[in-house]
Amino acid sequence: MPSALPLRKIIHVDMDAFYASVEELDNPELVGKPLAVGGNEIRGVVSAANYEARKYGVRSAMSGYLAKKNCPHLTFVKPRYDRYKEISKQLRNIFFEYTDLVEPLSLDEAYLDVTVNKKGNPSATLIAQEIRRRILDEVGLKASAGISINKFVAKVASDVNKPNGQKTVNPEEVVQFLEELEIRKFYGVGKVTAEKMFRLGIFTGKDLKTKSVEFLKDNFGKSGTHYYNVVRGIHLSEVKPHRIPKSVGAERTFSENLSSEIFMLERLEHIASEIERRLQKSKISGKTVTLKIKYSDFTLQTRSKTLPYFVSDKSLILEIAKELLYQEKMENSVRLLGISLANLNTEKKKTEPKEDSVSIQLKFDL
């Protein structure tokens, strides 16, 4: 007899255009104008864009040149990460008034498990409304939220009524909600995976649900089991207050393209120093060093090497980065370099839930 799936009351809070909204908060003259944070029309990459800019196709990770081409009257502002961290801390202070089970995903979003909460409020929906109202009143920013029985559905739901809205998916609604969902809106399904699913005739959750776990494993490897489970509302990951990073990295975009490897090595030394500082602060180390190279034509290349031992020292990280740099001849000038360290000593092996050993209980109010 199948065991019952543990149901939780999970809220995913996601700030609306966070970086851009903070800039508008501090400079009201920017409100209503297309705005991009990061880069400029000559160099750099857009870190964030407000909704006015998004109407013109401006998106994060887009080059400043292309962003300006799409929206000629776009305003660029430099990112102020210290200010964003300050606001993020205010948000988390609000979250912790409701539960200690808060898992930040980034500065502007977090999961909250309010199954048992400090307010004694049985309604996760009402808690989400109250949190969003407080963020607006106390911080001056708008937030959206998704509420459901697990992290995956809550994450997907938070996008449904953006901006400045929320969506609750009750237990009895989960299966239908996921079946009707476009496959590209499944959290974790990126552009490449979505295109592969399209080729396999998978366009919605309902299409995905018709595929066997064996079929999905054959086509998507270990992720196949994940897709098989989540489309059935099965996601057992708990809200982890102390989220363990999977990698530590840093990168730099240069004001002028680099064609000399000597100059590249100088930049890599600064990047390695920053990584060492972060590793020492977190008291972690890793085995896999990855060098990221973005060329002047915006093509991206990564080169990796896994060591038989853990490293956290700048000199060792830089030595491997140099080796990776010289691995292949540079055929173009470079606009960005980055180093990351993965396969950390904080990682633990995960066990996958058996897809046929759980079922959803329907008597549960959110």
Protein backbone atom coordinates (compact mmCIF):
# COMPACT_ATOMS: atom_id res chain seq x y z
CA MET A 1 0.00 0.00 0.00
CA PRO A 2 1.52 3.39 -0.99
CA SER A 3 2.66 5.66 1.76
CA ALA A 4 1.17 9.16 1.98
CA LEU A 5 3.07 12.12 0.63
CA PRO A 6 3.94 14.53 3.47
CA LEU A 7 2.11 17.76 2.75
CA ARG A 8 3.55 21.07 3.79
CA LYS A 9 2.44 24.68 3.56
CA ILE A 10 5.12 26.33 1.46
CA ILE A 11 5.31 29.95 0.34
CA HIS A 12 7.68 31.12 -2.35
CA VAL A 13 8.19 34.89 -2.14
CA ASP A 14 9.72 36.53 -5.20
CA MET A 15 10.39 40.26 -5.41
CA ASP A 16 9.24 42.02 -8.58
CA ALA A 17 12.17 43.28 -10.71
CA PHE A 18 14.15 43.60 -7.48
CA TYR A 19 17.34 45.47 -8.49
CA ALA A 20 15.44 47.87 -10.74
CA SER A 21 12.73 48.39 -8.12
CA VAL A 22 15.33 49.32 -5.50
CA GLU A 23 16.80 51.88 -7.90
CA GLU A 24 13.33 53.34 -8.48
CA LEU A 25 12.71 53.39 -4.74
CA ASP A 26 15.86 55.42 -4.13
CA ASN A 27 15.43 57.61 -7.22
CA PRO A 28 11.72 58.27 -7.94
CA GLU A 29 12.67 60.09 -11.16
CA LEU A 30 13.33 56.65 -12.70
CA VAL A 31 9.78 55.41 -12.07
CA GLY A 32 7.85 54.77 -15.28
CA LYS A 33 10.94 54.85 -17.48
CA PRO A 34 12.58 51.79 -19.11
CA LEU A 35 15.44 50.93 -16.78
CA ALA A 36 18.32 48.44 -16.86
CA VAL A 37 20.69 47.70 -14.01
CA GLY A 38 24.24 46.81 -15.03
CA GLY A 39 26.31 47.38 -18.13
CA ASN A 40 25.75 50.16 -20.64
CA GLU A 41 25.17 50.48 -24.37
CA ILE A 42 28.89 50.00 -25.05
CA ARG A 43 29.98 47.29 -22.59
CA GLY A 44 28.64 44.91 -20.03
CA VAL A 45 25.57 42.80 -19.48
CA VAL A 46 22.13 43.66 -18.12
CA SER A 47 21.74 42.31 -14.57
CA ALA A 48 18.07 43.25 -14.28
CA ALA A 49 15.38 45.25 -16.08
CA ASN A 50 12.13 46.81 -14.91
CA TYR A 51 8.81 45.90 -16.50
CA GLU A 52 8.80 48.98 -18.72
CA ALA A 53 12.08 47.82 -20.27
CA ARG A 54 10.88 44.23 -20.60
CA LYS A 55 8.12 45.43 -22.92
CA TYR A 56 10.91 46.18 -25.41
CA GLY A 57 12.49 42.76 -25.00
CA VAL A 58 15.19 43.84 -22.57
CA ARG A 59 16.13 40.91 -20.35
CA SER A 60 18.76 39.96 -17.79
CA ALA A 61 21.97 38.49 -19.25
CA MET A 62 21.42 40.51 -22.46
CA SER A 63 24.32 42.61 -23.70
CA GLY A 64 24.01 46.33 -23.03
CA TYR A 65 24.44 46.98 -26.75
CA LEU A 66 21.47 44.80 -27.71
CA ALA A 67 19.36 46.18 -24.86
CA LYS A 68 19.94 49.74 -26.09
CA LYS A 69 19.19 48.64 -29.65
CA ASN A 70 15.85 47.17 -28.55
CA CYS A 71 15.02 50.22 -26.44
CA PRO A 72 16.84 53.40 -27.56
CA HIS A 73 15.50 55.44 -24.63
CA LEU A 74 16.66 52.87 -22.06
CA THR A 75 18.31 54.25 -18.90
CA PHE A 76 21.29 52.33 -17.47
CA VAL A 77 22.29 52.47 -13.80
CA LYS A 78 25.22 50.79 -12.10
CA PRO A 79 24.32 47.99 -9.68
CA ARG A 80 24.67 48.73 -5.96
CA TYR A 81 24.97 45.30 -4.38
CA ASP A 82 25.51 46.58 -0.86
CA ARG A 83 22.17 48.37 -1.07
CA TYR A 84 20.45 45.25 -2.46
CA LYS A 85 21.90 43.17 0.40
CA GLU A 86 20.66 45.76 2.90
CA ILE A 87 17.11 45.52 1.51
CA SER A 88 17.35 41.72 1.35
CA LYS A 89 18.17 41.65 5.06
CA GLN A 90 15.03 43.68 5.79
CA LEU A 91 12.98 41.17 3.82
CA ARG A 92 14.41 38.21 5.71
CA ASN A 93 13.75 39.89 9.05
CA ILE A 94 10.08 39.99 8.05
CA PHE A 95 10.15 36.34 6.96
CA PHE A 96 11.68 35.21 10.26
CA GLU A 97 8.79 36.77 12.18
CA TYR A 98 6.62 34.01 10.70
CA THR A 99 8.92 30.98 10.63
CA ASP A 100 12.52 29.93 11.19
CA LEU A 101 12.26 27.68 8.14
CA VAL A 102 13.40 30.23 5.57
CA GLU A 103 15.53 29.16 2.60
CA PRO A 104 16.89 32.07 0.56
CA LEU A 105 17.45 31.29 -3.13
CA SER A 106 18.99 34.69 -3.84
CA LEU A 107 18.77 38.24 -2.52
CA ASP A 108 15.23 38.62 -3.85
CA GLU A 109 13.49 35.29 -3.34
CA ALA A 110 13.02 32.67 -0.64
CA TYR A 111 11.00 29.64 0.40
CA LEU A 112 9.10 29.72 3.70
CA ASP A 113 7.67 26.63 5.39
CA VAL A 114 4.68 27.90 7.40
CA THR A 115 3.09 24.50 8.12
CA VAL A 116 3.71 25.37 11.75
CA ASN A 117 4.33 29.09 12.14
CA LYS A 118 5.01 31.66 14.83
CA LYS A 119 1.71 33.46 14.25
CA GLY A 120 -0.41 30.38 14.76
CA ASN A 121 -2.15 31.16 11.48
CA PRO A 122 -3.41 28.01 9.72
CA SER A 123 -3.74 29.79 6.35
CA ALA A 124 -0.57 30.01 4.26
CA THR A 125 -2.53 32.11 1.77
CA LEU A 126 -3.33 34.75 4.39
CA ILE A 127 0.26 34.69 5.67
CA ALA A 128 1.54 35.35 2.14
CA GLN A 129 -0.87 38.26 1.75
CA GLU A 130 0.28 39.72 5.07
CA ILE A 131 3.97 39.33 4.20
CA ARG A 132 3.51 41.02 0.82
CA ARG A 133 1.57 43.87 2.45
CA ARG A 134 4.29 44.37 5.05
CA ILE A 135 7.03 44.38 2.41
CA LEU A 136 5.16 47.14 0.58
CA ASP A 137 4.44 49.17 3.73
CA GLU A 138 7.78 48.73 5.51
CA VAL A 139 10.24 48.40 2.63
CA GLY A 140 8.39 50.14 -0.19
CA LEU A 141 8.68 47.32 -2.72
CA LYS A 142 6.23 44.93 -4.38
CA ALA A 143 6.46 41.16 -4.14
CA SER A 144 4.69 38.17 -5.64
CA ALA A 145 4.10 34.80 -4.01
CA GLY A 146 3.21 31.21 -4.76
CA ILE A 147 1.61 28.96 -2.16
CA SER A 148 1.28 25.19 -2.35
CA ILE A 149 2.13 21.80 -0.86
CA ASN A 150 5.79 21.70 -1.92
CA LYS A 151 8.63 23.92 -3.10
CA PHE A 152 8.34 23.08 -6.78
CA VAL A 153 4.66 23.95 -7.16
CA ALA A 154 5.03 27.07 -4.97
CA LYS A 155 7.94 28.27 -7.13
CA VAL A 156 6.00 27.80 -10.35
CA ALA A 157 2.87 29.38 -8.86
CA SER A 158 4.70 32.56 -7.87
CA ASP A 159 5.09 33.44 -11.56
CA VAL A 160 1.40 33.08 -12.41
CA ASN A 161 0.15 36.45 -11.17
CA LYS A 162 3.35 38.50 -11.42
CA PRO A 163 3.86 41.33 -10.78
CA ASN A 164 2.39 42.16 -7.38
CA GLY A 165 0.15 39.12 -7.10
CA GLN A 166 -0.04 35.65 -5.65
CA LYS A 167 -1.36 32.23 -6.57
CA THR A 168 -2.44 29.41 -4.27
CA VAL A 169 -2.51 25.87 -5.64
CA ASN A 170 -4.46 23.70 -3.21
CA PRO A 171 -3.73 19.97 -2.91
CA GLU A 172 -6.75 18.95 -4.98
CA GLU A 173 -5.72 21.43 -7.70
CA VAL A 174 -2.04 20.43 -8.02
CA VAL A 175 -2.41 17.69 -10.65
CA GLN A 176 -4.64 19.74 -12.96
CA PHE A 177 -2.47 22.85 -12.48
CA LEU A 178 0.64 20.96 -13.57
CA GLU A 179 -1.10 19.16 -16.43
CA GLU A 180 -2.24 22.48 -17.95
CA LEU A 181 1.13 24.16 -17.48
CA GLU A 182 3.31 24.86 -20.52
CA ILE A 183 6.44 22.75 -20.26
CA ARG A 184 8.71 25.78 -20.60
CA LYS A 185 7.13 27.19 -17.42
CA PHE A 186 8.25 24.18 -15.36
CA TYR A 187 10.94 25.39 -12.97
CA GLY A 188 14.29 23.98 -14.05
CA VAL A 189 13.31 23.43 -17.70
CA GLY A 190 15.50 25.83 -19.64
CA LYS A 191 15.49 26.75 -23.31
CA VAL A 192 17.60 23.79 -24.46
CA THR A 193 15.62 21.22 -22.45
CA ALA A 194 12.32 22.73 -23.58
CA GLU A 195 13.35 22.46 -27.23
CA LYS A 196 14.31 18.83 -26.72
CA MET A 197 10.94 18.15 -25.08
CA PHE A 198 9.17 19.83 -28.00
CA ARG A 199 10.95 17.44 -30.38
CA LEU A 200 9.67 14.56 -28.24
CA GLY A 201 6.10 15.85 -28.43
CA ILE A 202 6.06 17.25 -24.89
CA PHE A 203 4.46 20.69 -24.80
CA THR A 204 2.49 20.63 -21.54
CA GLY A 205 2.53 18.89 -18.20
CA LYS A 206 -0.15 16.56 -19.50
CA ASP A 207 2.13 15.49 -22.35
CA LEU A 208 4.98 14.96 -19.90
CA LYS A 209 2.77 12.81 -17.70
CA THR A 210 2.17 10.33 -20.54
CA LYS A 211 5.87 9.44 -20.64
CA SER A 212 7.22 6.58 -18.58
CA VAL A 213 10.03 7.07 -16.11
CA GLU A 214 12.20 4.83 -18.29
CA PHE A 215 11.56 7.02 -21.34
CA LEU A 216 12.40 10.18 -19.40
CA LYS A 217 15.58 8.66 -17.93
CA ASP A 218 16.70 7.54 -21.40
CA ASN A 219 16.25 11.04 -22.78
CA PHE A 220 17.14 13.24 -19.80
CA GLY A 221 19.34 11.11 -17.57
CA LYS A 222 18.93 11.55 -13.82
CA SER A 223 16.65 14.54 -14.41
CA GLY A 224 14.13 12.15 -15.97
CA THR A 225 13.08 10.85 -12.55
CA HIS A 226 12.69 14.42 -11.33
CA TYR A 227 10.41 15.32 -14.26
CA TYR A 228 8.40 12.14 -13.74
CA ASN A 229 7.82 13.03 -10.10
CA VAL A 230 7.18 16.77 -10.19
CA VAL A 231 4.49 16.57 -12.88
CA ARG A 232 2.64 14.32 -10.43
CA GLY A 233 3.01 16.86 -7.63
CA ILE A 234 5.79 14.88 -5.96
CA HIS A 235 8.70 16.94 -4.65
CA LEU A 236 10.05 15.91 -1.25
CA SER A 237 12.76 18.55 -0.84
CA GLU A 238 12.40 20.32 2.50
CA VAL A 239 12.91 24.03 3.15
CA LYS A 240 16.54 24.23 4.29
CA PRO A 241 17.32 27.32 6.42
CA HIS A 242 21.05 26.91 5.82
CA ARG A 243 21.24 26.31 2.09
CA ILE A 244 24.51 24.67 1.07
CA PRO A 245 26.12 26.19 -2.04
CA LYS A 246 26.99 23.87 -4.91
CA SER A 247 29.73 26.11 -6.25
CA VAL A 248 31.66 29.27 -5.49
CA GLY A 249 32.73 31.58 -8.29
CA ALA A 250 33.53 35.07 -9.50
CA GLU A 251 33.80 36.70 -12.90
CA ARG A 252 34.70 40.03 -14.43
CA THR A 253 33.57 41.82 -17.60
CA PHE A 254 36.30 44.09 -18.94
CA SER A 255 35.97 47.67 -20.15
CA GLU A 256 38.13 46.72 -23.15
CA ASN A 257 38.52 43.34 -24.81
CA LEU A 258 41.68 41.48 -23.85
CA SER A 259 43.84 39.87 -26.50
CA SER A 260 47.02 39.41 -24.45
CA GLU A 261 47.24 36.33 -22.23
CA ILE A 262 49.49 38.31 -19.86
CA PHE A 263 46.64 40.72 -19.14
CA MET A 264 44.24 37.77 -18.80
CA LEU A 265 46.49 36.18 -16.18
CA GLU A 266 46.51 39.44 -14.20
CA ARG A 267 42.71 39.47 -14.18
CA LEU A 268 42.55 35.79 -13.24
CA GLU A 269 44.78 36.46 -10.24
CA HIS A 270 42.31 39.06 -8.93
CA ILE A 271 39.40 36.67 -9.53
CA ALA A 272 41.21 33.83 -7.74
CA SER A 273 41.84 36.14 -4.76
CA GLU A 274 38.12 36.89 -4.54
CA ILE A 275 37.24 33.19 -4.64
CA GLU A 276 39.79 32.42 -1.93
CA ARG A 277 38.21 35.12 0.26
CA ARG A 278 34.74 33.63 -0.21
CA LEU A 279 35.94 30.09 0.43
CA GLN A 280 37.73 31.08 3.63
CA LYS A 281 34.70 33.02 4.83
CA SER A 282 32.49 29.94 4.34
CA LYS A 283 35.22 27.49 5.42
CA ILE A 284 34.74 25.29 2.36
CA SER A 285 36.88 23.89 -0.46
CA GLY A 286 36.31 22.07 -3.74
CA LYS A 287 37.78 19.74 -6.32
CA THR A 288 36.51 20.98 -9.70
CA VAL A 289 37.92 24.22 -11.13
CA THR A 290 36.08 25.73 -14.12
CA LEU A 291 37.34 28.57 -16.28
CA LYS A 292 34.66 30.63 -18.04
CA ILE A 293 35.59 32.60 -21.14
CA LYS A 294 33.29 34.93 -23.07
CA TYR A 295 34.75 36.18 -26.33
CA SER A 296 34.18 39.53 -28.04
CA ASP A 297 31.63 37.89 -30.35
CA PHE A 298 29.70 36.80 -27.19
CA THR A 299 30.41 33.09 -27.69
CA LEU A 300 30.89 31.35 -24.36
CA GLN A 301 33.32 28.58 -23.48
CA THR A 302 33.99 26.68 -20.25
CA ARG A 303 36.97 24.48 -19.44
CA SER A 304 37.09 22.32 -16.31
CA LYS A 305 39.48 20.11 -14.39
CA THR A 306 38.68 17.91 -11.40
CA LEU A 307 41.44 17.29 -8.86
CA PRO A 308 41.85 14.23 -6.60
CA TYR A 309 41.93 16.52 -3.56
CA PHE A 310 40.11 19.59 -2.20
CA VAL A 311 41.58 23.05 -2.72
CA SER A 312 40.77 26.50 -1.38
CA ASP A 313 44.11 28.26 -1.73
CA LYS A 314 44.39 31.06 -4.28
CA SER A 315 47.71 29.86 -5.68
CA LEU A 316 46.38 26.37 -6.44
CA ILE A 317 43.15 27.69 -7.98
CA LEU A 318 45.12 30.14 -10.11
CA GLU A 319 47.55 27.41 -11.20
CA ILE A 320 44.66 25.28 -12.52
CA ALA A 321 43.01 28.32 -14.13
CA LYS A 322 46.27 29.08 -15.97
CA GLU A 323 46.48 25.49 -17.16
CA LEU A 324 42.93 25.71 -18.48
CA LEU A 325 43.64 29.06 -20.13
CA TYR A 326 46.56 27.59 -22.08
CA GLN A 327 44.61 24.42 -22.87
CA GLU A 328 43.50 25.83 -26.23
CA LYS A 329 44.72 28.66 -28.41
CA MET A 330 42.66 31.86 -28.18
CA GLU A 331 41.11 32.65 -31.54
CA ASN A 332 39.39 35.85 -30.48
CA SER A 333 39.71 38.64 -27.93
CA VAL A 334 38.07 38.15 -24.54
CA ARG A 335 35.42 40.36 -22.87
CA LEU A 336 34.83 38.27 -19.72
CA LEU A 337 36.73 35.79 -17.55
CA GLY A 338 35.44 33.80 -14.61
CA ILE A 339 36.55 31.04 -12.27
CA SER A 340 34.33 28.76 -10.24
CA LEU A 341 35.01 25.94 -7.81
CA ALA A 342 32.52 23.05 -7.56
CA ASN A 343 32.37 19.51 -6.18
CA LEU A 344 32.56 21.11 -2.75
CA ASN A 345 33.24 19.33 0.53
CA THR A 346 29.77 20.40 1.69
CA GLU A 347 27.89 18.21 -0.79
CA LYS A 348 26.08 15.09 0.34
CA LYS A 349 24.64 12.29 -1.70
CA LYS A 350 20.91 12.60 -2.26
CA THR A 351 18.47 9.75 -2.42
CA GLU A 352 15.71 9.94 -5.00
CA PRO A 353 12.15 9.18 -3.87
CA LYS A 354 10.53 6.19 -5.50
CA GLU A 355 8.02 7.46 -7.98
CA ASP A 356 5.48 4.71 -7.18
CA SER A 357 5.61 4.95 -3.39
CA VAL A 358 3.72 8.19 -2.76
CA SER A 359 0.26 9.61 -3.20
CA ILE A 360 -1.27 13.03 -2.58
CA GLN A 361 -3.68 13.55 0.29
CA LEU A 362 -6.44 16.00 -0.64
CA LYS A 363 -7.81 17.08 2.75
CA PHE A 364 -5.46 19.93 3.50
CA ASP A 365 -6.23 23.66 3.50
CA LEU A 366 -3.78 26.30 2.34
